[in-house]
């Protein structure tokens, strides 16, 4: 019996176009050959872990690599305190 699944997952690049993770990228595994339309990311903000939700905007192929752009869903994410304490 042969297994047609590869032991190495196929990856894609998630690009965060706005929100707290703006400008960052993340390498993610395709699930059943597809990328996720909605993803959550955990990041530290002011020393506290926060969960941020992002939704797919579009996708494209760059030199044979799938790249998916995601936009920040502020309403579903943990609040981000934008105030900075003066020194």
C-alpha atoms as a PDB file:
ATOM      1  CA  UNK A   1       0.000   0.000   0.000  1.00  0.00           C
ATOM      2  CA  UNK A   2       1.501   3.325  -1.007  1.00  0.00           C
ATOM      3  CA  UNK A   3       0.997   6.629   0.697  1.00  0.00           C
ATOM      4  CA  UNK A   4       0.451   9.535  -1.702  1.00  0.00           C
ATOM      5  CA  UNK A   5       0.870  12.158   1.050  1.00  0.00           C
ATOM      6  CA  UNK A   6       4.293  13.727   1.365  1.00  0.00           C
ATOM      7  CA  UNK A   7       5.988  13.621   4.773  1.00  0.00           C
ATOM      8  CA  UNK A   8       6.913  17.292   4.336  1.00  0.00           C
ATOM      9  CA  UNK A   9       3.945  19.681   4.465  1.00  0.00           C
ATOM     10  CA  UNK A  10       3.495  22.129   1.628  1.00  0.00           C
ATOM     11  CA  UNK A  11       3.968  25.652   2.929  1.00  0.00           C
ATOM     12  CA  UNK A  12       2.652  29.073   2.033  1.00  0.00           C
ATOM     13  CA  UNK A  13       3.587  32.561   3.195  1.00  0.00           C
ATOM     14  CA  UNK A  14       1.074  34.651   5.167  1.00  0.00           C
ATOM     15  CA  UNK A  15       1.607  38.414   4.856  1.00  0.00           C
ATOM     16  CA  UNK A  16       0.002  40.726   7.428  1.00  0.00           C
ATOM     17  CA  UNK A  17      -0.917  44.017   5.747  1.00  0.00           C
ATOM     18  CA  UNK A  18      -2.206  45.972   8.755  1.00  0.00           C
ATOM     19  CA  UNK A  19      -2.941  45.820  12.466  1.00  0.00           C
ATOM     20  CA  UNK A  20      -0.436  44.926  15.190  1.00  0.00           C
ATOM     21  CA  UNK A  21       1.464  42.513  12.926  1.00  0.00           C
ATOM     22  CA  UNK A  22       1.659  44.869   9.935  1.00  0.00           C
ATOM     23  CA  UNK A  23       4.649  44.108   7.719  1.00  0.00           C
ATOM     24  CA  UNK A  24       5.345  40.695   9.250  1.00  0.00           C
ATOM     25  CA  UNK A  25       5.233  37.384   7.409  1.00  0.00           C
ATOM     26  CA  UNK A  26       4.708  33.833   8.646  1.00  0.00           C
ATOM     27  CA  UNK A  27       5.366  30.494   6.979  1.00  0.00           C
ATOM     28  CA  UNK A  28       2.319  28.237   7.399  1.00  0.00           C
ATOM     29  CA  UNK A  29       1.367  24.714   6.329  1.00  0.00           C
ATOM     30  CA  UNK A  30      -1.380  24.079   3.816  1.00  0.00           C
ATOM     31  CA  UNK A  31      -4.175  21.940   5.280  1.00  0.00           C
ATOM     32  CA  UNK A  32      -5.517  19.393   2.785  1.00  0.00           C
ATOM     33  CA  UNK A  33      -3.804  21.410   0.063  1.00  0.00           C
ATOM     34  CA  UNK A  34      -5.481  24.716   0.990  1.00  0.00           C
ATOM     35  CA  UNK A  35      -4.524  27.828   2.910  1.00  0.00           C
ATOM     36  CA  UNK A  36      -6.668  29.172   5.723  1.00  0.00           C
ATOM     37  CA  UNK A  37      -9.106  31.983   4.917  1.00  0.00           C
ATOM     38  CA  UNK A  38      -9.037  33.158   8.563  1.00  0.00           C
ATOM     39  CA  UNK A  39      -6.137  32.802  10.963  1.00  0.00           C
ATOM     40  CA  UNK A  40      -5.342  33.746  14.535  1.00  0.00           C
ATOM     41  CA  UNK A  41      -1.959  34.870  15.752  1.00  0.00           C
ATOM     42  CA  UNK A  42      -0.715  35.218  19.311  1.00  0.00           C
ATOM     43  CA  UNK A  43       1.680  38.077  20.029  1.00  0.00           C
ATOM     44  CA  UNK A  44       2.939  39.907  23.108  1.00  0.00           C
ATOM     45  CA  UNK A  45       1.718  43.480  23.463  1.00  0.00           C
ATOM     46  CA  UNK A  46       3.034  45.459  26.450  1.00  0.00           C
ATOM     47  CA  UNK A  47       4.173  42.158  27.965  1.00  0.00           C
ATOM     48  CA  UNK A  48       0.760  40.473  27.697  1.00  0.00           C
ATOM     49  CA  UNK A  49      -0.183  37.753  25.214  1.00  0.00           C
ATOM     50  CA  UNK A  50      -2.932  38.878  22.855  1.00  0.00           C
ATOM     51  CA  UNK A  51      -4.866  37.000  20.157  1.00  0.00           C
ATOM     52  CA  UNK A  52      -5.251  38.745  16.816  1.00  0.00           C
ATOM     53  CA  UNK A  53      -7.579  37.541  14.034  1.00  0.00           C
ATOM     54  CA  UNK A  54      -6.793  38.102  10.369  1.00  0.00           C
ATOM     55  CA  UNK A  55      -8.912  37.480   7.246  1.00  0.00           C
ATOM     56  CA  UNK A  56      -7.698  36.677   3.740  1.00  0.00           C
ATOM     57  CA  UNK A  57      -7.617  39.603   1.322  1.00  0.00           C
ATOM     58  CA  UNK A  58      -6.079  37.932  -1.723  1.00  0.00           C
ATOM     59  CA  UNK A  59      -3.544  35.362  -2.864  1.00  0.00           C
ATOM     60  CA  UNK A  60      -0.879  35.201  -5.533  1.00  0.00           C
ATOM     61  CA  UNK A  61       1.934  33.018  -6.806  1.00  0.00           C
ATOM     62  CA  UNK A  62       5.429  34.478  -6.464  1.00  0.00           C
ATOM     63  CA  UNK A  63       8.093  32.365  -8.184  1.00  0.00           C
ATOM     64  CA  UNK A  64       6.139  29.180  -7.493  1.00  0.00           C
ATOM     65  CA  UNK A  65       5.377  30.026  -3.861  1.00  0.00           C
ATOM     66  CA  UNK A  66       1.836  30.764  -2.663  1.00  0.00           C
ATOM     67  CA  UNK A  67       1.587  34.083  -0.804  1.00  0.00           C
ATOM     68  CA  UNK A  68      -1.641  35.082   0.953  1.00  0.00           C
ATOM     69  CA  UNK A  69      -2.305  38.593   2.274  1.00  0.00           C
ATOM     70  CA  UNK A  70      -4.343  38.980   5.471  1.00  0.00           C
ATOM     71  CA  UNK A  71      -6.132  42.024   6.947  1.00  0.00           C
ATOM     72  CA  UNK A  72      -6.618  42.652  10.677  1.00  0.00           C
ATOM     73  CA  UNK A  73     -10.078  41.994  12.179  1.00  0.00           C
ATOM     74  CA  UNK A  74     -10.044  44.488  15.048  1.00  0.00           C
ATOM     75  CA  UNK A  75     -13.564  43.645  16.237  1.00  0.00           C
ATOM     76  CA  UNK A  76     -12.736  39.973  16.894  1.00  0.00           C
ATOM     77  CA  UNK A  77      -9.214  40.511  18.231  1.00  0.00           C
ATOM     78  CA  UNK A  78      -8.014  41.307  21.734  1.00  0.00           C
ATOM     79  CA  UNK A  79      -7.866  45.075  22.300  1.00  0.00           C
ATOM     80  CA  UNK A  80      -4.579  46.805  21.684  1.00  0.00           C
ATOM     81  CA  UNK A  81      -3.778  49.752  23.956  1.00  0.00           C
ATOM     82  CA  UNK A  82      -2.320  52.350  21.623  1.00  0.00           C
ATOM     83  CA  UNK A  83      -1.435  54.770  24.423  1.00  0.00           C
ATOM     84  CA  UNK A  84       2.231  55.095  25.279  1.00  0.00           C
ATOM     85  CA  UNK A  85       3.210  56.119  28.794  1.00  0.00           C
ATOM     86  CA  UNK A  86       5.518  59.152  28.878  1.00  0.00           C
ATOM     87  CA  UNK A  87       8.984  58.585  30.298  1.00  0.00           C
END
